[in-house]
C-alpha atoms as a PDB file:
ATOM      1  CA  UNK A   1      27.630  70.360  30.675  1.00  0.00           C
ATOM      2  CA  UNK A   2      24.304  69.183  32.039  1.00  0.00           C
ATOM      3  CA  UNK A   3      25.574  69.023  35.617  1.00  0.00           C
ATOM      4  CA  UNK A   4      28.051  71.084  37.590  1.00  0.00           C
ATOM      5  CA  UNK A   5      29.428  69.494  40.770  1.00  0.00           C
ATOM      6  CA  UNK A   6      28.478  66.033  39.511  1.00  0.00           C
ATOM      7  CA  UNK A   7      31.527  66.436  37.252  1.00  0.00           C
ATOM      8  CA  UNK A   8      33.882  68.603  39.343  1.00  0.00           C
ATOM      9  CA  UNK A   9      33.500  66.563  42.524  1.00  0.00           C
ATOM     10  CA  UNK A  10      34.458  63.334  40.750  1.00  0.00           C
ATOM     11  CA  UNK A  11      38.059  64.619  40.472  1.00  0.00           C
ATOM     12  CA  UNK A  12      38.986  62.349  37.530  1.00  0.00           C
ATOM     13  CA  UNK A  13      35.939  62.778  35.310  1.00  0.00           C
ATOM     14  CA  UNK A  14      36.865  62.428  31.637  1.00  0.00           C
ATOM     15  CA  UNK A  15      35.002  65.643  30.805  1.00  0.00           C
ATOM     16  CA  UNK A  16      37.686  67.577  32.697  1.00  0.00           C
ATOM     17  CA  UNK A  17      40.480  66.271  30.489  1.00  0.00           C
ATOM     18  CA  UNK A  18      38.273  66.798  27.428  1.00  0.00           C
ATOM     19  CA  UNK A  19      37.951  70.504  28.261  1.00  0.00           C
ATOM     20  CA  UNK A  20      41.682  70.912  28.919  1.00  0.00           C
ATOM     21  CA  UNK A  21      42.618  69.164  25.686  1.00  0.00           C
ATOM     22  CA  UNK A  22      40.451  71.571  23.682  1.00  0.00           C
ATOM     23  CA  UNK A  23      42.988  74.307  24.457  1.00  0.00           C
ATOM     24  CA  UNK A  24      45.725  72.473  22.566  1.00  0.00           C
ATOM     25  CA  UNK A  25      48.134  73.386  25.370  1.00  0.00           C
ATOM     26  CA  UNK A  26      50.055  71.146  27.740  1.00  0.00           C
ATOM     27  CA  UNK A  27      49.695  73.549  30.688  1.00  0.00           C
ATOM     28  CA  UNK A  28      46.593  75.698  30.128  1.00  0.00           C
ATOM     29  CA  UNK A  29      45.548  78.506  32.438  1.00  0.00           C
ATOM     30  CA  UNK A  30      42.113  77.743  33.913  1.00  0.00           C
ATOM     31  CA  UNK A  31      40.009  80.398  35.623  1.00  0.00           C
ATOM     32  CA  UNK A  32      37.125  79.419  37.916  1.00  0.00           C
ATOM     33  CA  UNK A  33      34.155  81.737  38.400  1.00  0.00           C
ATOM     34  CA  UNK A  34      32.118  80.660  41.418  1.00  0.00           C
ATOM     35  CA  UNK A  35      29.791  83.657  41.244  1.00  0.00           C
ATOM     36  CA  UNK A  36      26.625  81.550  41.111  1.00  0.00           C
ATOM     37  CA  UNK A  37      27.233  80.258  44.654  1.00  0.00           C
ATOM     38  CA  UNK A  38      28.523  83.540  46.066  1.00  0.00           C
ATOM     39  CA  UNK A  39      32.153  82.381  45.692  1.00  0.00           C
ATOM     40  CA  UNK A  40      31.494  79.479  48.064  1.00  0.00           C
ATOM     41  CA  UNK A  41      34.834  78.429  49.545  1.00  0.00           C
ATOM     42  CA  UNK A  42      34.052  74.706  49.485  1.00  0.00           C
ATOM     43  CA  UNK A  43      33.262  74.854  45.778  1.00  0.00           C
ATOM     44  CA  UNK A  44      36.484  76.730  45.117  1.00  0.00           C
ATOM     45  CA  UNK A  45      38.485  74.086  47.005  1.00  0.00           C
ATOM     46  CA  UNK A  46      36.756  71.369  44.986  1.00  0.00           C
ATOM     47  CA  UNK A  47      37.739  73.172  41.784  1.00  0.00           C
ATOM     48  CA  UNK A  48      41.408  73.255  42.821  1.00  0.00           C
ATOM     49  CA  UNK A  49      41.348  69.588  43.781  1.00  0.00           C
ATOM     50  CA  UNK A  50      40.031  68.661  40.334  1.00  0.00           C
ATOM     51  CA  UNK A  51      41.732  71.234  38.112  1.00  0.00           C
ATOM     52  CA  UNK A  52      44.966  70.756  40.026  1.00  0.00           C
ATOM     53  CA  UNK A  53      48.466  71.935  39.185  1.00  0.00           C
ATOM     54  CA  UNK A  54      49.394  68.555  37.724  1.00  0.00           C
ATOM     55  CA  UNK A  55      46.790  69.160  35.031  1.00  0.00           C
ATOM     56  CA  UNK A  56      46.817  72.915  34.468  1.00  0.00           C
ATOM     57  CA  UNK A  57      47.441  76.326  36.004  1.00  0.00           C
ATOM     58  CA  UNK A  58      44.300  76.898  38.086  1.00  0.00           C
ATOM     59  CA  UNK A  59      43.082  80.237  39.409  1.00  0.00           C
ATOM     60  CA  UNK A  60      39.802  81.605  40.712  1.00  0.00           C
ATOM     61  CA  UNK A  61      38.290  85.058  40.623  1.00  0.00           C
ATOM     62  CA  UNK A  62      36.284  86.343  43.585  1.00  0.00           C
ATOM     63  CA  UNK A  63      33.635  88.897  42.695  1.00  0.00           C
ATOM     64  CA  UNK A  64      32.117  89.157  46.178  1.00  0.00           C
ATOM     65  CA  UNK A  65      35.475  90.015  47.779  1.00  0.00           C
ATOM     66  CA  UNK A  66      37.405  91.459  44.862  1.00  0.00           C
ATOM     67  CA  UNK A  67      41.155  91.499  45.133  1.00  0.00           C
ATOM     68  CA  UNK A  68      41.714  93.461  41.902  1.00  0.00           C
ATOM     69  CA  UNK A  69      40.571  96.861  40.670  1.00  0.00           C
ATOM     70  CA  UNK A  70      40.950  95.636  37.110  1.00  0.00           C
ATOM     71  CA  UNK A  71      39.881  92.053  36.390  1.00  0.00           C
ATOM     72  CA  UNK A  72      40.716  92.187  32.685  1.00  0.00           C
ATOM     73  CA  UNK A  73      43.992  90.296  33.102  1.00  0.00           C
ATOM     74  CA  UNK A  74      42.638  87.253  34.949  1.00  0.00           C
ATOM     75  CA  UNK A  75      39.742  86.814  32.522  1.00  0.00           C
ATOM     76  CA  UNK A  76      41.506  87.470  29.233  1.00  0.00           C
ATOM     77  CA  UNK A  77      44.600  85.574  30.355  1.00  0.00           C
ATOM     78  CA  UNK A  78      42.673  82.328  30.765  1.00  0.00           C
ATOM     79  CA  UNK A  79      42.747  79.496  28.249  1.00  0.00           C
ATOM     80  CA  UNK A  80      39.676  78.015  29.961  1.00  0.00           C
ATOM     81  CA  UNK A  81      36.959  79.815  31.912  1.00  0.00           C
ATOM     82  CA  UNK A  82      35.040  77.320  34.026  1.00  0.00           C
ATOM     83  CA  UNK A  83      31.799  78.632  35.542  1.00  0.00           C
ATOM     84  CA  UNK A  84      30.352  76.840  38.540  1.00  0.00           C
ATOM     85  CA  UNK A  85      26.716  75.940  39.055  1.00  0.00           C
ATOM     86  CA  UNK A  86      24.286  77.779  41.309  1.00  0.00           C
ATOM     87  CA  UNK A  87      21.971  80.748  40.860  1.00  0.00           C
ATOM     88  CA  UNK A  88      22.036  81.751  37.192  1.00  0.00           C
ATOM     89  CA  UNK A  89      19.992  84.937  37.594  1.00  0.00           C
ATOM     90  CA  UNK A  90      22.260  86.302  40.328  1.00  0.00           C
ATOM     91  CA  UNK A  91      25.340  85.305  38.367  1.00  0.00           C
ATOM     92  CA  UNK A  92      24.212  87.217  35.274  1.00  0.00           C
ATOM     93  CA  UNK A  93      23.259  90.319  37.266  1.00  0.00           C
ATOM     94  CA  UNK A  94      26.620  90.437  39.058  1.00  0.00           C
ATOM     95  CA  UNK A  95      28.561  89.832  35.850  1.00  0.00           C
ATOM     96  CA  UNK A  96      26.727  92.673  34.112  1.00  0.00           C
ATOM     97  CA  UNK A  97      27.290  95.115  36.989  1.00  0.00           C
ATOM     98  CA  UNK A  98      31.015  94.279  37.183  1.00  0.00           C
ATOM     99  CA  UNK A  99      31.654  94.045  33.426  1.00  0.00           C
ATOM    100  CA  UNK A 100      32.426  90.335  33.394  1.00  0.00           C
ATOM    101  CA  UNK A 101      29.900  89.705  30.604  1.00  0.00           C
ATOM    102  CA  UNK A 102      31.826  91.998  28.256  1.00  0.00           C
ATOM    103  CA  UNK A 103      35.140  90.377  29.185  1.00  0.00           C
ATOM    104  CA  UNK A 104      33.766  86.898  28.541  1.00  0.00           C
ATOM    105  CA  UNK A 105      32.722  87.890  25.026  1.00  0.00           C
ATOM    106  CA  UNK A 106      36.271  89.164  24.502  1.00  0.00           C
ATOM    107  CA  UNK A 107      37.716  85.941  25.938  1.00  0.00           C
ATOM    108  CA  UNK A 108      35.689  83.920  23.460  1.00  0.00           C
ATOM    109  CA  UNK A 109      36.918  86.075  20.588  1.00  0.00           C
ATOM    110  CA  UNK A 110      40.508  85.468  21.764  1.00  0.00           C
ATOM    111  CA  UNK A 111      40.007  81.694  21.618  1.00  0.00           C
ATOM    112  CA  UNK A 112      39.296  80.764  25.238  1.00  0.00           C
ATOM    113  CA  UNK A 113      37.289  77.647  26.020  1.00  0.00           C
ATOM    114  CA  UNK A 114      34.170  78.706  27.962  1.00  0.00           C
ATOM    115  CA  UNK A 115      32.572  75.928  29.955  1.00  0.00           C
ATOM    116  CA  UNK A 116      30.703  74.909  33.075  1.00  0.00           C
ATOM    117  CA  UNK A 117      27.684  72.949  34.220  1.00  0.00           C
ATOM    118  CA  UNK A 118      24.126  73.822  35.185  1.00  0.00           C
ATOM    119  CA  UNK A 119      24.208  77.628  35.684  1.00  0.00           C
ATOM    120  CA  UNK A 120      27.709  77.468  34.208  1.00  0.00           C
ATOM    121  CA  UNK A 121      26.218  76.046  31.022  1.00  0.00           C
ATOM    122  CA  UNK A 122      22.924  77.923  30.832  1.00  0.00           C
ATOM    123  CA  UNK A 123      24.682  81.301  30.977  1.00  0.00           C
ATOM    124  CA  UNK A 124      26.176  80.934  27.469  1.00  0.00           C
ATOM    125  CA  UNK A 125      22.760  80.456  25.813  1.00  0.00           C
ATOM    126  CA  UNK A 126      19.852  82.841  25.228  1.00  0.00           C
ATOM    127  CA  UNK A 127      17.862  81.260  28.053  1.00  0.00           C
ATOM    128  CA  UNK A 128      16.574  78.098  29.649  1.00  0.00           C
ATOM    129  CA  UNK A 129      15.135  76.597  32.815  1.00  0.00           C
ATOM    130  CA  UNK A 130      16.366  77.695  36.244  1.00  0.00           C
ATOM    131  CA  UNK A 131      15.799  77.272  39.979  1.00  0.00           C
ATOM    132  CA  UNK A 132      17.184  80.790  40.564  1.00  0.00           C
ATOM    133  CA  UNK A 133      13.867  82.032  41.938  1.00  0.00           C
ATOM    134  CA  UNK A 134      13.031  79.197  44.312  1.00  0.00           C
ATOM    135  CA  UNK A 135      12.097  75.517  44.333  1.00  0.00           C
ATOM    136  CA  UNK A 136       9.498  75.965  41.584  1.00  0.00           C
ATOM    137  CA  UNK A 137      11.484  76.214  38.367  1.00  0.00           C
ATOM    138  CA  UNK A 138      11.010  79.173  36.072  1.00  0.00           C
ATOM    139  CA  UNK A 139      12.132  80.311  32.642  1.00  0.00           C
ATOM    140  CA  UNK A 140      15.198  82.543  32.343  1.00  0.00           C
ATOM    141  CA  UNK A 141      15.663  84.568  29.140  1.00  0.00           C
ATOM    142  CA  UNK A 142      18.678  86.771  29.896  1.00  0.00           C
ATOM    143  CA  UNK A 143      21.616  84.553  28.959  1.00  0.00           C
ATOM    144  CA  UNK A 144      24.738  85.902  27.265  1.00  0.00           C
ATOM    145  CA  UNK A 145      23.521  84.584  23.898  1.00  0.00           C
ATOM    146  CA  UNK A 146      26.838  83.244  22.630  1.00  0.00           C
ATOM    147  CA  UNK A 147      24.822  80.253  21.457  1.00  0.00           C
ATOM    148  CA  UNK A 148      21.617  81.362  19.738  1.00  0.00           C
ATOM    149  CA  UNK A 149      19.456  78.706  21.341  1.00  0.00           C
ATOM    150  CA  UNK A 150      18.031  77.665  24.707  1.00  0.00           C
ATOM    151  CA  UNK A 151      19.429  75.074  27.103  1.00  0.00           C
ATOM    152  CA  UNK A 152      18.062  72.733  29.743  1.00  0.00           C
ATOM    153  CA  UNK A 153      20.577  71.221  32.205  1.00  0.00           C
ATOM    154  CA  UNK A 154      19.896  68.293  34.540  1.00  0.00           C
ATOM    155  CA  UNK A 155      17.637  66.714  31.942  1.00  0.00           C
ATOM    156  CA  UNK A 156      17.908  63.308  33.599  1.00  0.00           C
ATOM    157  CA  UNK A 157      17.830  64.376  37.249  1.00  0.00           C
ATOM    158  CA  UNK A 158      15.482  67.357  37.678  1.00  0.00           C
ATOM    159  CA  UNK A 159      11.865  66.266  37.482  1.00  0.00           C
ATOM    160  CA  UNK A 160      10.580  69.784  36.723  1.00  0.00           C
ATOM    161  CA  UNK A 161      13.113  70.496  33.992  1.00  0.00           C
ATOM    162  CA  UNK A 162      11.745  68.567  31.026  1.00  0.00           C
ATOM    163  CA  UNK A 163       8.056  69.556  31.306  1.00  0.00           C
ATOM    164  CA  UNK A 164       8.893  73.231  31.882  1.00  0.00           C
ATOM    165  CA  UNK A 165      11.320  73.249  28.966  1.00  0.00           C
ATOM    166  CA  UNK A 166       8.711  71.709  26.683  1.00  0.00           C
ATOM    167  CA  UNK A 167       6.044  74.192  27.777  1.00  0.00           C
ATOM    168  CA  UNK A 168       8.393  77.143  27.234  1.00  0.00           C
ATOM    169  CA  UNK A 169       9.260  75.948  23.732  1.00  0.00           C
ATOM    170  CA  UNK A 170       5.610  75.440  22.822  1.00  0.00           C
ATOM    171  CA  UNK A 171       4.468  78.884  23.967  1.00  0.00           C
ATOM    172  CA  UNK A 172       7.479  80.649  22.482  1.00  0.00           C
ATOM    173  CA  UNK A 173       8.958  81.763  25.795  1.00  0.00           C
ATOM    174  CA  UNK A 174      12.220  80.063  24.745  1.00  0.00           C
ATOM    175  CA  UNK A 175      13.724  79.387  21.312  1.00  0.00           C
ATOM    176  CA  UNK A 176      14.520  75.851  20.190  1.00  0.00           C
ATOM    177  CA  UNK A 177      17.545  74.479  21.976  1.00  0.00           C
ATOM    178  CA  UNK A 178      19.485  71.698  23.619  1.00  0.00           C
ATOM    179  CA  UNK A 179      19.310  69.515  26.718  1.00  0.00           C
ATOM    180  CA  UNK A 180      21.939  67.423  28.468  1.00  0.00           C
ATOM    181  CA  UNK A 181      22.164  64.788  31.151  1.00  0.00           C
ATOM    182  CA  UNK A 182      24.326  65.609  34.147  1.00  0.00           C
ATOM    183  CA  UNK A 183      27.535  64.030  32.851  1.00  0.00           C
ATOM    184  CA  UNK A 184      27.033  64.920  29.213  1.00  0.00           C
ATOM    185  CA  UNK A 185      28.257  68.026  27.405  1.00  0.00           C
ATOM    186  CA  UNK A 186      27.396  69.801  24.176  1.00  0.00           C
ATOM    187  CA  UNK A 187      30.230  71.539  22.373  1.00  0.00           C
ATOM    188  CA  UNK A 188      29.905  74.563  20.085  1.00  0.00           C
ATOM    189  CA  UNK A 189      32.447  76.518  18.081  1.00  0.00           C
ATOM    190  CA  UNK A 190      33.170  80.215  18.607  1.00  0.00           C
ATOM    191  CA  UNK A 191      30.297  81.137  16.282  1.00  0.00           C
ATOM    192  CA  UNK A 192      27.806  79.090  18.303  1.00  0.00           C
ATOM    193  CA  UNK A 193      27.554  76.216  15.832  1.00  0.00           C
ATOM    194  CA  UNK A 194      27.129  72.690  17.164  1.00  0.00           C
ATOM    195  CA  UNK A 195      30.280  70.555  16.960  1.00  0.00           C
ATOM    196  CA  UNK A 196      29.618  67.396  18.975  1.00  0.00           C
ATOM    197  CA  UNK A 197      28.168  65.912  22.146  1.00  0.00           C
ATOM    198  CA  UNK A 198      30.217  63.853  24.612  1.00  0.00           C
ATOM    199  CA  UNK A 199      29.573  62.026  27.855  1.00  0.00           C
ATOM    200  CA  UNK A 200      31.661  60.528  30.652  1.00  0.00           C
ATOM    201  CA  UNK A 201      28.816  58.234  31.712  1.00  0.00           C
ATOM    202  CA  UNK A 202      27.870  55.128  29.711  1.00  0.00           C
ATOM    203  CA  UNK A 203      24.469  55.790  28.200  1.00  0.00           C
ATOM    204  CA  UNK A 204      24.678  59.552  28.824  1.00  0.00           C
ATOM    205  CA  UNK A 205      22.562  61.628  26.480  1.00  0.00           C
ATOM    206  CA  UNK A 206      22.393  65.059  24.884  1.00  0.00           C
ATOM    207  CA  UNK A 207      19.482  66.181  22.764  1.00  0.00           C
ATOM    208  CA  UNK A 208      18.344  68.797  20.295  1.00  0.00           C
ATOM    209  CA  UNK A 209      14.889  69.857  21.468  1.00  0.00           C
ATOM    210  CA  UNK A 210      12.640  71.859  19.157  1.00  0.00           C
ATOM    211  CA  UNK A 211       9.055  72.447  18.053  1.00  0.00           C
ATOM    212  CA  UNK A 212       7.855  70.792  14.869  1.00  0.00           C
ATOM    213  CA  UNK A 213       4.260  70.695  13.627  1.00  0.00           C
ATOM    214  CA  UNK A 214       3.054  72.058  16.935  1.00  0.00           C
ATOM    215  CA  UNK A 215       4.771  69.383  19.026  1.00  0.00           C
ATOM    216  CA  UNK A 216       8.034  69.154  20.927  1.00  0.00           C
ATOM    217  CA  UNK A 217      10.583  66.948  19.195  1.00  0.00           C
ATOM    218  CA  UNK A 218      13.486  65.400  21.113  1.00  0.00           C
ATOM    219  CA  UNK A 219      16.288  64.421  18.785  1.00  0.00           C
ATOM    220  CA  UNK A 220      19.153  62.455  20.305  1.00  0.00           C
ATOM    221  CA  UNK A 221      22.544  63.820  19.331  1.00  0.00           C
ATOM    222  CA  UNK A 222      25.300  61.281  18.682  1.00  0.00           C
ATOM    223  CA  UNK A 223      26.992  61.312  22.084  1.00  0.00           C
ATOM    224  CA  UNK A 224      30.611  60.149  22.107  1.00  0.00           C
ATOM    225  CA  UNK A 225      31.590  58.243  25.238  1.00  0.00           C
ATOM    226  CA  UNK A 226      34.794  59.410  26.941  1.00  0.00           C
ATOM    227  CA  UNK A 227      36.264  56.554  28.977  1.00  0.00           C
ATOM    228  CA  UNK A 228      38.228  57.510  32.062  1.00  0.00           C
ATOM    229  CA  UNK A 229      41.935  57.695  31.286  1.00  0.00           C
ATOM    230  CA  UNK A 230      43.933  55.562  33.764  1.00  0.00           C
ATOM    231  CA  UNK A 231      47.053  57.615  32.995  1.00  0.00           C
ATOM    232  CA  UNK A 232      46.981  61.168  34.435  1.00  0.00           C
ATOM    233  CA  UNK A 233      46.905  63.892  31.817  1.00  0.00           C
ATOM    234  CA  UNK A 234      50.128  65.355  33.211  1.00  0.00           C
ATOM    235  CA  UNK A 235      51.970  62.258  31.900  1.00  0.00           C
ATOM    236  CA  UNK A 236      51.452  63.493  28.353  1.00  0.00           C
ATOM    237  CA  UNK A 237      52.889  66.959  28.872  1.00  0.00           C
ATOM    238  CA  UNK A 238      55.617  68.120  26.553  1.00  0.00           C
END
């Protein structure tokens, strides 16, 4: 997703139900990783208010105050892993030191839906644009690489994002990739192949962004609008 809390804080955003429905389960287990904000308690509460027990079986995993010696069970037992926004560089460093990166690759192989916004989206790609190092955005190249491409979140709301992304593509600092508005999402299969783009905001956009003939090309992806469902998802449980 292009944005993180812009979706989670809305409580009933259609992108939330979209993610849950991808599991094919009526009561999926959803794990929240708030590493990018240092396991901020307010963000965790917001996650539980949105991914509530009427929709799924929510759980979070603290990495700053670990409650488990072995975190394999919580990660590999999740049908959905939702990664919060924040500092992507710190997130990746902590995951690598604590072995979460390896577990996430295993979770993907087991069929889990891996998702998130901003840092929680960028982490799955090879790299992209980040504010991890301060207010002046920089290029990050150390993503998990599950999708062999780059990614630029906040394409409609961060004024530094688009020009930096274009410059990084032109000079080869980043490979060709994708960009998304805050309430738009780009979906890939387990092999990193594009499936579709969706949005919960009328007019929301997702784009394929690449270099052609020495220039940056922005190609709009067909972006399916997800209207808000007036009937709670729990109503449809088996």
